[in-house]
Protein backbone atom coordinates (compact mmCIF):
# COMPACT_ATOMS: atom_id res chain seq x y z
CA ASN A 1 91.25 87.00 85.51
CA PRO A 2 89.37 88.10 88.64
CA PRO A 3 89.37 85.77 91.62
CA PHE A 4 86.07 84.00 92.20
CA HIS A 5 86.78 81.63 95.07
CA ARG A 6 86.73 82.22 98.79
CA GLY A 7 88.18 79.00 100.07
CA ALA A 8 86.36 76.29 98.14
CA ALA A 9 83.18 78.35 97.57
CA ILE A 10 82.46 80.39 94.46
CA ASP A 11 82.13 84.03 95.53
CA GLU A 12 81.75 86.73 92.87
CA THR A 13 81.89 89.51 95.51
CA ILE A 14 85.68 89.63 95.27
CA ALA A 15 85.53 90.37 91.53
CA ARG A 16 82.93 93.13 92.03
CA HIS A 17 85.27 94.82 94.52
CA LEU A 18 88.11 94.54 92.00
CA PHE A 19 85.90 96.12 89.27
CA ALA A 20 84.85 98.97 91.58
CA ASP A 21 88.47 99.64 92.61
CA ALA A 22 89.58 99.66 88.97
CA ALA A 23 86.79 102.11 88.08
CA ARG A 24 87.91 104.37 90.91
CA VAL A 25 91.48 104.67 89.62
CA LEU A 26 90.84 104.66 85.87
CA ARG A 27 90.61 108.01 84.14
CA PRO A 28 87.53 108.65 81.99
CA GLY A 29 88.11 106.79 78.73
CA GLY A 30 90.55 104.34 80.39
CA GLU A 31 89.95 100.66 79.80
CA LEU A 32 89.80 97.60 82.01
CA TRP A 33 90.45 94.43 80.03
CA THR A 34 89.18 91.35 81.81
CA VAL A 35 89.44 87.60 81.15
CA TRP A 36 86.92 85.52 83.07
CA ASN A 37 85.25 82.12 83.12
CA SER A 38 82.25 82.45 80.81
CA VAL A 39 79.84 80.79 83.23
CA LEU A 40 80.32 83.64 85.73
CA ARG A 41 78.55 86.32 83.63
CA TYR A 42 80.49 89.35 84.90
CA ARG A 43 79.38 91.67 82.11
CA PRO A 44 76.41 93.27 83.99
CA SER A 45 78.71 94.09 86.93
CA LEU A 46 81.36 95.52 84.62
CA GLU A 47 78.75 97.68 82.84
CA LYS A 48 77.39 98.97 86.15
CA LEU A 49 80.68 99.55 87.95
CA VAL A 50 83.10 100.55 85.18
CA GLY A 51 81.12 101.52 82.09
CA PRO A 52 80.28 100.33 78.59
CA THR A 53 81.70 96.85 78.08
CA ARG A 54 82.38 95.16 74.76
CA GLN A 55 83.13 91.52 74.20
CA ILE A 56 86.50 90.95 72.55
CA ALA A 57 86.44 87.13 72.43
CA ARG A 58 84.47 84.25 73.88
CA THR A 59 84.75 80.50 74.09
CA PRO A 60 82.61 78.13 76.15
CA LYS A 61 85.30 78.41 78.84
CA PHE A 62 86.55 82.04 78.77
CA THR A 63 85.29 85.53 77.89
CA VAL A 64 87.50 88.56 77.22
CA THR A 65 85.96 92.02 77.61
CA ALA A 66 87.09 95.64 77.54
CA SER A 67 85.22 98.08 79.76
CA THR A 68 85.59 101.83 79.20
CA ARG A 69 85.46 104.10 82.24
CA ARG A 70 82.72 106.71 81.94
């Protein structure tokens, strides 16, 4: 569950850094499984930074995805 607060403010920059760092250390074919608040819409960032991302589960509150490193 990536952090999305900087103090009291919502800041998705922290999560994007986490995704980029994970992509850097994952081997090709490795997976990053992520649980996040559905309203944040992290999937485009995961696709761009890590690779193809599939939705595993979703509720109005949470989304679970698996991103495969290219």
